[in-house]
Amino acid sequence: MHKLPQRTIGWVSAGAVVVANMVGTGAFTTLGLQLQHLHNTWVILSLWIFGGIIALFGAVSYAELGARMPRSGGEYYFLSRIYHPMAGYLSGWVSLTVGFTASIALSAMAMGAYLSNIAGMDARWIALTVIVAVSAMHSVHLRQSSRFQNIFTLLKLALMVFLIAACIGYPPQNGALNWNGAWLPEMGSAHYAVALVFVVYAYSGWNAAAYITGEVRQPARNLPRALIGGTLLVAVLYVLLQFGFLYQAGKEALDGKIEVAQIAAQSLFGASGAKWVSVFIGLLLVSSISAMVWVGPRVSRAMAEDYPVWHFLARDNKHGVPVNAIWFQAAVSVFLLLSGSFEQVLIYSGFVLHLSTTAAVAGVLILRRKDRAAPPFSGPFYPWGQIIFLLFSVWMLGFLLYDKPRESMLGMLNLAIGAVSYWWNKRYALPPVRKNKKRQ
């Protein structure tokens, strides 16, 4: 018998999930690529400011959706209720097949690459060990998951604050700041558009707490705190971090490079110090992996309760933890890790995942028109926040379809396979035994 989820998670732990999902390798790697074509510091910082604003509008929208529909599952549950069960199923299908599993595998491999030389181990063995160990840790109890996530997220934030303080506080030898260049032509260029797309990817994860809504205490109060507070914190840190890198390291050293954190650290601490900063960056990826291992199975479990083909994933342990879904996700992540074929899958999954978030934010406008009563949480900026988010999303999806047609069409193919799975499930599969009809 499935147990009701235990609402033991406060807004701090839920906010830690948001921060951990958002802060990944993007903040430490994309600046060098931006400097290849953009030179004005105001222009580069504006990328991270605009990316933060878009993420904040999305977080506000999800806070309202989660307060209205306080069940775990994120877009799967939102789209099922707002549009049609098939829309939710397709969103959950993408999350189940590549949305979390590929991201876990990629983060684990990045961690292995950072630590392999120090540990003297093969990078993939390190990655595999981390996936299995973190999955095991999340298979016991929600309180244990919460403590683990909070600790590693605090370590991640401590490293970011340390890097920001060191980069800004230490006199640079040859910084890359340039306040006097022509900013308007750069902001109107195609290079700015490409850079903004990747910055938005670096901000992805602002919706993470919505996947564990069913385990959050007083979701109408705590979910908005977690989503909005976590997103604001990351946005401020991102802008300061990019400024610190530009202030400390020279443009020639950063231009075209992805290891910008190591370059800035080498300018500060020398070669040996940069090596240890690389180790710390590798370790901070544990927080990202942990957050995805935690929230991903909540989507799988929500699907499993509604669709019989996935019913085996609905089993919880005595503490309400979806152990089958956790280990299924771990198995798929390990497969992608060992196959080495998931990079393109990750690129095309970004297209269809953003389709889901776009539909969810549009759902706020639909629900407000259907139900005139005041929602449990009424987000600020309505309706302009949603409109700006949707306009940007349509532009970005169109840009990806034009610039990356192969990956975008592969994403649509993934949706088509999911549609076949949905049709087969409804047509031939036996209905699941609903032992907990009032699950929230």
Protein backbone atom coordinates (compact mmCIF):
# COMPACT_ATOMS: atom_id res chain seq x y z
CA MET A 1 0.00 0.00 0.00
CA HIS A 2 1.32 3.42 -0.93
CA LYS A 3 1.81 5.78 1.94
CA LEU A 4 0.89 9.43 1.84
CA PRO A 5 3.98 11.59 1.38
CA GLN A 6 5.19 12.99 4.65
CA ARG A 7 5.11 16.79 4.60
CA THR A 8 8.36 17.20 6.50
CA ILE A 9 10.22 19.61 4.19
CA GLY A 10 10.42 23.27 5.17
CA TRP A 11 11.11 26.20 2.86
CA VAL A 12 14.83 26.18 3.63
CA SER A 13 15.28 22.59 2.45
CA ALA A 14 13.00 23.18 -0.54
CA GLY A 15 14.99 26.32 -1.36
CA ALA A 16 18.20 24.29 -1.12
CA VAL A 17 16.81 21.98 -3.80
CA VAL A 18 16.20 25.00 -6.04
CA VAL A 19 19.70 26.40 -5.48
CA ALA A 20 21.35 23.02 -5.94
CA ASN A 21 19.49 22.38 -9.21
CA MET A 22 20.27 25.84 -10.57
CA VAL A 23 23.95 26.12 -9.70
CA GLY A 24 25.83 23.76 -11.98
CA THR A 25 28.66 23.92 -14.44
CA GLY A 26 27.04 26.68 -16.53
CA ALA A 27 28.02 29.47 -14.15
CA PHE A 28 31.64 28.32 -14.23
CA THR A 29 32.05 27.64 -17.96
CA THR A 30 30.07 29.95 -20.28
CA LEU A 31 31.80 33.30 -19.75
CA GLY A 32 34.76 32.45 -21.98
CA LEU A 33 32.42 31.56 -24.84
CA GLN A 34 30.56 34.86 -24.41
CA LEU A 35 33.83 36.81 -24.58
CA GLN A 36 34.55 35.43 -28.05
CA HIS A 37 32.01 37.82 -29.55
CA LEU A 38 30.90 40.20 -26.76
CA HIS A 39 33.33 42.67 -25.21
CA ASN A 40 31.38 45.27 -23.23
CA THR A 41 31.08 44.37 -19.54
CA TRP A 42 27.61 45.94 -19.29
CA VAL A 43 26.45 43.69 -22.14
CA ILE A 44 27.83 40.52 -20.56
CA LEU A 45 26.38 41.30 -17.13
CA SER A 46 23.03 42.13 -18.76
CA LEU A 47 22.86 38.54 -20.01
CA TRP A 48 22.92 37.24 -16.45
CA ILE A 49 20.51 39.92 -15.22
CA PHE A 50 17.97 39.17 -17.96
CA GLY A 51 18.37 35.42 -17.41
CA GLY A 52 17.64 35.94 -13.72
CA ILE A 53 14.54 38.02 -14.45
CA ILE A 54 13.14 35.36 -16.79
CA ALA A 55 13.84 32.66 -14.18
CA LEU A 56 12.15 34.78 -11.49
CA PHE A 57 8.99 35.21 -13.60
CA GLY A 58 8.92 31.44 -14.07
CA ALA A 59 9.45 30.79 -10.35
CA VAL A 60 6.59 33.14 -9.41
CA SER A 61 4.29 31.31 -11.83
CA TYR A 62 5.23 27.89 -10.49
CA ALA A 63 4.74 29.11 -6.92
CA GLU A 64 1.12 29.94 -7.77
CA LEU A 65 0.59 26.64 -9.59
CA GLY A 66 2.07 24.64 -6.71
CA ALA A 67 -0.05 26.48 -4.15
CA ARG A 68 -3.17 25.74 -6.21
CA MET A 69 -2.23 22.09 -6.85
CA PRO A 70 -0.09 20.90 -3.90
CA ARG A 71 0.97 17.51 -5.21
CA SER A 72 4.43 16.36 -6.23
CA GLY A 73 5.19 15.92 -9.91
CA GLY A 74 5.80 19.39 -11.30
CA GLU A 75 4.78 19.87 -14.93
CA TYR A 76 3.40 16.33 -15.11
CA TYR A 77 0.69 17.14 -12.58
CA PHE A 78 0.17 20.78 -13.62
CA LEU A 79 -0.33 20.06 -17.34
CA SER A 80 -2.54 17.04 -16.64
CA ARG A 81 -4.90 19.21 -14.59
CA ILE A 82 -4.80 22.36 -16.72
CA TYR A 83 -4.89 20.93 -20.25
CA HIS A 84 -5.29 17.18 -20.69
CA PRO A 85 -3.80 14.03 -19.11
CA MET A 86 -1.84 13.41 -22.32
CA ALA A 87 -0.05 16.77 -22.01
CA GLY A 88 1.05 15.88 -18.51
CA TYR A 89 2.03 12.38 -19.56
CA LEU A 90 4.28 13.68 -22.34
CA SER A 91 5.96 16.08 -19.93
CA GLY A 92 6.51 13.26 -17.46
CA TRP A 93 7.74 11.01 -20.27
CA VAL A 94 10.47 13.50 -21.18
CA SER A 95 11.48 13.83 -17.52
CA LEU A 96 11.50 10.06 -17.13
CA THR A 97 13.55 9.29 -20.23
CA VAL A 98 16.11 12.11 -20.37
CA GLY A 99 15.12 15.14 -18.31
CA PHE A 100 16.75 14.09 -15.04
CA THR A 101 18.70 10.97 -15.98
CA ALA A 102 20.87 12.62 -18.64
CA SER A 103 21.52 15.62 -16.39
CA ILE A 104 22.58 13.34 -13.53
CA ALA A 105 24.90 11.39 -15.83
CA LEU A 106 26.45 14.53 -17.29
CA SER A 107 27.00 16.16 -13.88
CA ALA A 108 28.52 12.94 -12.54
CA MET A 109 30.86 12.71 -15.51
CA ALA A 110 31.90 16.34 -15.06
CA MET A 111 32.62 15.62 -11.41
CA GLY A 112 34.68 12.58 -12.40
CA ALA A 113 36.70 14.68 -14.83
CA TYR A 114 37.49 17.24 -12.10
CA LEU A 115 38.52 14.61 -9.53
CA SER A 116 40.11 11.83 -11.57
CA ASN A 117 43.65 13.25 -11.54
CA ILE A 118 43.55 13.97 -7.82
CA ALA A 119 41.97 10.64 -6.86
CA GLY A 120 43.95 8.58 -9.34
CA MET A 121 40.77 6.85 -10.54
CA ASP A 122 39.01 6.58 -13.88
CA ALA A 123 36.51 9.42 -14.28
CA ARG A 124 33.61 7.11 -15.13
CA TRP A 125 34.16 4.94 -12.05
CA ILE A 126 34.03 8.06 -9.90
CA ALA A 127 30.83 9.14 -11.67
CA LEU A 128 29.21 5.72 -11.29
CA THR A 129 30.13 5.54 -7.61
CA VAL A 130 28.64 8.97 -6.95
CA ILE A 131 25.35 8.12 -8.69
CA VAL A 132 24.95 4.88 -6.71
CA ALA A 133 26.02 6.42 -3.38
CA VAL A 134 23.74 9.47 -3.67
CA SER A 135 20.80 7.30 -4.78
CA ALA A 136 21.36 5.02 -1.78
CA MET A 137 21.43 8.00 0.56
CA HIS A 138 18.10 9.31 -0.79
CA SER A 139 16.48 5.87 -0.45
CA VAL A 140 16.20 5.93 3.33
CA HIS A 141 14.28 8.85 4.82
CA LEU A 142 13.13 12.32 3.83
CA ARG A 143 14.87 13.92 6.81
CA GLN A 144 18.16 12.33 5.81
CA SER A 145 17.70 13.56 2.24
CA SER A 146 16.93 17.04 3.54
CA ARG A 147 20.02 17.18 5.79
CA PHE A 148 22.32 15.87 3.05
CA GLN A 149 20.96 18.38 0.54
CA ASN A 150 21.24 21.29 2.95
CA ILE A 151 24.86 20.48 3.87
CA PHE A 152 26.12 20.14 0.31
CA THR A 153 24.15 23.16 -0.87
CA LEU A 154 25.72 25.25 1.91
CA LEU A 155 29.16 24.03 0.81
CA LYS A 156 28.33 25.01 -2.76
CA LEU A 157 27.19 28.48 -1.70
CA ALA A 158 30.27 28.86 0.50
CA LEU A 159 32.54 28.11 -2.46
CA MET A 160 30.71 30.61 -4.67
CA VAL A 161 30.89 33.34 -2.02
CA PHE A 162 34.59 32.56 -1.47
CA LEU A 163 35.34 32.83 -5.19
CA ILE A 164 33.37 36.07 -5.49
CA ALA A 165 35.09 37.63 -2.47
CA ALA A 166 38.55 36.50 -3.60
CA CYS A 167 38.09 37.65 -7.19
CA ILE A 168 36.72 41.07 -6.24
CA GLY A 169 38.83 41.64 -3.14
CA TYR A 170 42.24 40.74 -4.58
CA PRO A 171 43.89 43.33 -6.88
CA PRO A 172 43.94 41.97 -10.44
CA GLN A 173 47.02 41.80 -12.64
CA ASN A 174 45.16 41.99 -15.96
CA GLY A 175 41.38 42.09 -15.74
CA ALA A 176 38.88 41.87 -18.61
CA LEU A 177 36.54 44.68 -17.55
CA ASN A 178 35.53 46.97 -20.39
CA TRP A 179 32.92 49.60 -19.59
CA ASN A 180 33.51 51.84 -22.61
CA GLY A 181 32.81 49.63 -25.62
CA ALA A 182 29.78 50.09 -27.88
CA TRP A 183 27.02 48.19 -26.08
CA LEU A 184 23.99 48.72 -28.35
CA PRO A 185 25.35 46.91 -31.47
CA GLU A 186 26.44 43.97 -29.32
CA MET A 187 23.03 43.62 -27.66
CA GLY A 188 21.34 43.61 -31.06
CA SER A 189 23.60 40.93 -32.51
CA ALA A 190 22.93 37.24 -33.11
CA HIS A 191 25.85 36.45 -30.78
CA TYR A 192 23.95 38.10 -27.92
CA ALA A 193 20.90 35.96 -28.69
CA VAL A 194 22.96 32.76 -28.69
CA ALA A 195 24.65 33.74 -25.42
CA LEU A 196 21.29 34.53 -23.80
CA VAL A 197 19.94 31.08 -24.71
CA PHE A 198 22.84 29.40 -22.93
CA VAL A 199 22.56 31.72 -19.92
CA VAL A 200 18.91 30.73 -19.59
CA TYR A 201 20.06 27.10 -19.61
CA ALA A 202 22.50 27.98 -16.82
CA TYR A 203 19.51 29.24 -14.80
CA SER A 204 17.47 26.08 -15.38
CA GLY A 205 16.36 24.38 -12.18
CA TRP A 206 14.40 27.34 -10.78
CA ASN A 207 11.29 25.10 -10.83
CA ALA A 208 12.87 22.24 -8.84
CA ALA A 209 10.89 22.61 -5.61
CA ALA A 210 7.63 22.15 -7.54
CA TYR A 211 8.53 18.49 -8.05
CA ILE A 212 8.42 17.81 -4.30
CA THR A 213 5.38 19.94 -3.44
CA GLY A 214 3.66 16.96 -1.83
CA GLU A 215 6.44 16.73 0.75
CA VAL A 216 6.57 20.46 1.62
CA ARG A 217 4.89 21.70 4.79
CA GLN A 218 2.26 24.39 4.19
CA PRO A 219 2.98 24.57 0.44
CA ALA A 220 0.94 27.75 -0.13
CA ARG A 221 3.35 29.52 2.24
CA ASN A 222 6.64 27.65 1.92
CA LEU A 223 6.74 26.81 -1.79
CA PRO A 224 6.76 30.47 -2.94
CA ARG A 225 9.51 31.21 -0.41
CA ALA A 226 11.62 28.36 -1.73
CA LEU A 227 11.10 29.02 -5.45
CA ILE A 228 11.34 32.81 -5.40
CA GLY A 229 13.96 33.08 -2.66
CA GLY A 230 16.19 30.40 -4.19
CA THR A 231 15.97 31.97 -7.65
CA LEU A 232 16.76 35.47 -6.38
CA LEU A 233 19.76 34.22 -4.41
CA VAL A 234 21.22 32.38 -7.40
CA ALA A 235 20.65 35.37 -9.71
CA VAL A 236 22.58 37.70 -7.41
CA LEU A 237 25.43 35.18 -7.01
CA TYR A 238 25.60 34.56 -10.77
CA VAL A 239 25.95 38.26 -11.61
CA LEU A 240 28.60 38.81 -8.91
CA LEU A 241 30.50 35.68 -9.95
CA GLN A 242 30.73 36.72 -13.60
CA PHE A 243 31.83 40.21 -12.54
CA GLY A 244 34.50 38.65 -10.30
CA PHE A 245 35.85 36.49 -13.13
CA LEU A 246 35.99 39.52 -15.46
CA TYR A 247 37.66 41.64 -12.79
CA GLN A 248 40.33 39.08 -11.96
CA ALA A 249 41.31 37.34 -15.22
CA GLY A 250 42.47 38.83 -18.52
CA LYS A 251 40.35 38.66 -21.66
CA GLU A 252 43.07 36.81 -23.57
CA ALA A 253 43.17 34.12 -20.88
CA LEU A 254 39.37 33.74 -20.75
CA ASP A 255 38.50 34.11 -24.45
CA GLY A 256 37.05 30.86 -25.81
CA LYS A 257 37.84 28.86 -22.66
CA ILE A 258 35.35 26.89 -20.59
CA GLU A 259 37.52 26.47 -17.46
CA VAL A 260 37.03 30.11 -16.44
CA ALA A 261 36.91 29.36 -12.70
CA GLN A 262 40.28 27.61 -12.85
CA ILE A 263 41.78 30.48 -14.87
CA ALA A 264 40.58 33.04 -12.32
CA ALA A 265 41.81 30.83 -9.47
CA GLN A 266 45.22 30.48 -11.08
CA SER A 267 45.45 34.26 -11.31
CA LEU A 268 44.65 34.42 -7.60
CA PHE A 269 46.41 31.43 -6.04
CA GLY A 270 48.82 30.03 -8.62
CA ALA A 271 48.78 26.56 -10.18
CA SER A 272 48.49 24.55 -6.95
CA GLY A 273 45.66 26.73 -5.66
CA ALA A 274 43.79 26.42 -8.96
CA LYS A 275 44.04 22.63 -8.67
CA TRP A 276 42.29 22.66 -5.30
CA VAL A 277 39.62 25.03 -6.58
CA SER A 278 38.99 22.50 -9.34
CA VAL A 279 38.56 19.81 -6.69
CA PHE A 280 36.04 21.95 -4.81
CA ILE A 281 34.11 22.65 -8.02
CA GLY A 282 33.99 18.91 -8.66
CA LEU A 283 32.68 18.28 -5.16
CA LEU A 284 30.00 20.96 -5.43
CA LEU A 285 28.47 18.93 -8.25
CA VAL A 286 27.43 16.42 -5.56
CA SER A 287 24.80 18.96 -4.54
CA SER A 288 23.45 19.17 -8.11
CA ILE A 289 23.40 15.38 -8.52
CA SER A 290 21.70 15.00 -5.13
CA ALA A 291 18.97 17.50 -5.97
CA MET A 292 18.15 15.77 -9.26
CA VAL A 293 18.22 12.32 -7.63
CA TRP A 294 15.77 13.67 -5.05
CA VAL A 295 13.23 15.41 -7.28
CA GLY A 296 13.28 13.22 -10.43
CA PRO A 297 11.63 10.14 -8.87
CA ARG A 298 8.73 12.28 -7.64
CA VAL A 299 7.69 12.76 -11.27
CA SER A 300 8.07 9.02 -11.93
CA ARG A 301 6.02 8.13 -8.86
CA ALA A 302 3.25 10.55 -9.80
CA MET A 303 3.07 8.97 -13.28
CA ALA A 304 3.18 5.47 -11.83
CA GLU A 305 0.10 6.11 -9.71
CA ASP A 306 -1.89 7.14 -12.79
CA TYR A 307 -0.57 4.85 -15.56
CA PRO A 308 -0.26 1.07 -15.19
CA VAL A 309 2.77 0.63 -17.44
CA TRP A 310 4.82 2.51 -14.85
CA HIS A 311 3.03 1.11 -11.81
CA PHE A 312 6.15 -0.69 -10.56
CA LEU A 313 7.70 2.72 -9.86
CA ALA A 314 5.01 3.67 -7.34
CA ARG A 315 6.38 1.58 -4.46
CA ASP A 316 7.47 3.61 -1.41
CA ASN A 317 9.38 2.44 1.61
CA LYS A 318 7.92 2.75 5.12
CA HIS A 319 9.00 6.40 5.28
CA GLY A 320 7.23 7.40 2.06
CA VAL A 321 10.38 7.46 -0.10
CA PRO A 322 9.85 6.24 -3.74
CA VAL A 323 12.68 3.70 -3.71
CA ASN A 324 11.77 1.91 -6.95
CA ALA A 325 11.64 5.20 -8.85
CA ILE A 326 14.98 6.28 -7.37
CA TRP A 327 16.77 3.11 -8.47
CA PHE A 328 15.10 3.04 -11.87
CA GLN A 329 16.38 6.57 -12.44
CA ALA A 330 19.83 5.55 -11.19
CA ALA A 331 19.91 2.59 -13.60
CA VAL A 332 19.05 4.76 -16.60
CA SER A 333 21.62 7.37 -15.52
CA VAL A 334 24.33 4.71 -15.24
CA PHE A 335 23.39 3.35 -18.68
CA LEU A 336 23.74 6.80 -20.24
CA LEU A 337 27.00 7.33 -18.38
CA LEU A 338 28.55 4.07 -19.61
CA SER A 339 27.19 4.34 -23.14
CA GLY A 340 28.71 7.77 -23.62
CA SER A 341 25.86 8.67 -26.01
CA PHE A 342 23.84 11.07 -23.91
CA GLU A 343 25.32 14.46 -24.89
CA GLN A 344 23.04 14.92 -27.91
CA VAL A 345 20.11 13.57 -25.91
CA LEU A 346 20.73 16.27 -23.34
CA ILE A 347 20.76 18.98 -26.02
CA TYR A 348 17.49 17.92 -27.62
CA SER A 349 15.85 17.31 -24.24
CA GLY A 350 16.34 21.02 -23.50
CA PHE A 351 13.96 21.87 -26.35
CA VAL A 352 11.10 19.67 -25.17
CA LEU A 353 11.68 20.45 -21.49
CA HIS A 354 11.29 24.14 -22.24
CA LEU A 355 8.07 23.34 -24.07
CA SER A 356 6.76 21.92 -20.77
CA THR A 357 7.74 24.96 -18.69
CA THR A 358 6.23 27.29 -21.30
CA ALA A 359 2.92 25.41 -21.19
CA ALA A 360 2.95 25.45 -17.37
CA VAL A 361 3.50 29.23 -17.15
CA ALA A 362 0.72 29.77 -19.71
CA GLY A 363 -1.44 27.67 -17.41
CA VAL A 364 -1.42 30.47 -14.82
CA LEU A 365 -3.24 32.73 -17.30
CA ILE A 366 -5.73 29.95 -18.08
CA LEU A 367 -6.46 29.19 -14.41
CA ARG A 368 -6.95 32.86 -13.57
CA ARG A 369 -9.56 33.12 -16.35
CA LYS A 370 -11.36 29.94 -15.28
CA ASP A 371 -11.34 30.64 -11.54
CA ARG A 372 -11.83 34.25 -10.46
CA ALA A 373 -11.40 33.40 -6.77
CA ALA A 374 -8.15 34.50 -5.14
CA PRO A 375 -5.57 31.68 -5.32
CA PRO A 376 -3.77 30.45 -2.15
CA PHE A 377 -0.73 32.36 -3.39
CA SER A 378 -1.12 35.25 -5.80
CA GLY A 379 2.19 35.93 -7.49
CA PRO A 380 3.41 39.47 -8.17
CA PHE A 381 3.91 40.81 -11.71
CA TYR A 382 0.66 39.20 -12.97
CA PRO A 383 0.02 39.08 -15.90
CA TRP A 384 3.12 40.85 -17.24
CA GLY A 385 5.57 38.40 -15.71
CA GLN A 386 3.86 35.50 -17.48
CA ILE A 387 3.54 37.42 -20.75
CA ILE A 388 7.24 38.37 -20.80
CA PHE A 389 8.23 34.79 -19.94
CA LEU A 390 6.03 33.41 -22.73
CA LEU A 391 7.27 35.89 -25.33
CA PHE A 392 10.85 35.04 -24.50
CA SER A 393 10.09 31.30 -24.53
CA VAL A 394 8.46 31.45 -27.96
CA TRP A 395 11.45 33.39 -29.27
CA MET A 396 13.91 30.92 -27.74
CA LEU A 397 12.07 27.84 -29.01
CA GLY A 398 11.90 29.34 -32.49
CA PHE A 399 15.58 30.22 -32.34
CA LEU A 400 16.50 26.66 -31.30
CA LEU A 401 14.32 25.21 -34.03
CA TYR A 402 16.15 27.40 -36.56
CA ASP A 403 19.67 27.06 -35.14
CA LYS A 404 19.48 23.42 -33.96
CA PRO A 405 16.89 21.80 -36.26
CA ARG A 406 18.24 18.26 -35.90
CA GLU A 407 18.24 18.27 -32.09
CA SER A 408 14.86 20.02 -31.97
CA MET A 409 13.28 17.46 -34.30
CA LEU A 410 14.81 14.64 -32.26
CA GLY A 411 13.07 16.18 -29.27
CA MET A 412 9.78 16.14 -31.16
CA LEU A 413 10.45 12.49 -32.06
CA ASN A 414 10.84 11.77 -28.35
CA LEU A 415 7.40 13.32 -27.80
CA ALA A 416 5.96 11.19 -30.61
CA ILE A 417 7.28 8.02 -28.96
CA GLY A 418 5.78 9.21 -25.69
CA ALA A 419 2.43 9.73 -27.43
CA VAL A 420 2.52 6.13 -28.69
CA SER A 421 3.28 4.99 -25.14
CA TYR A 422 0.33 7.00 -23.83
CA TRP A 423 -2.01 5.56 -26.45
CA TRP A 424 -0.84 2.00 -25.76
CA ASN A 425 -1.26 2.54 -22.04
CA LYS A 426 -4.83 3.80 -22.40
CA ARG A 427 -5.78 1.22 -25.03
CA TYR A 428 -4.32 -2.06 -23.79
CA ALA A 429 -2.93 -1.80 -20.27
CA LEU A 430 -4.98 -2.79 -17.24
CA PRO A 431 -5.81 0.02 -14.83
CA PRO A 432 -3.65 0.22 -11.73
CA VAL A 433 -4.97 -0.64 -8.31
CA ARG A 434 -5.60 2.79 -6.76
CA LYS A 435 -5.01 2.15 -3.10
CA ASN A 436 -4.70 5.78 -2.21
CA LYS A 437 -7.28 7.83 -4.04
CA LYS A 438 -6.84 10.90 -1.87
CA ARG A 439 -3.12 11.24 -2.39
CA GLN A 440 -2.04 14.89 -2.53
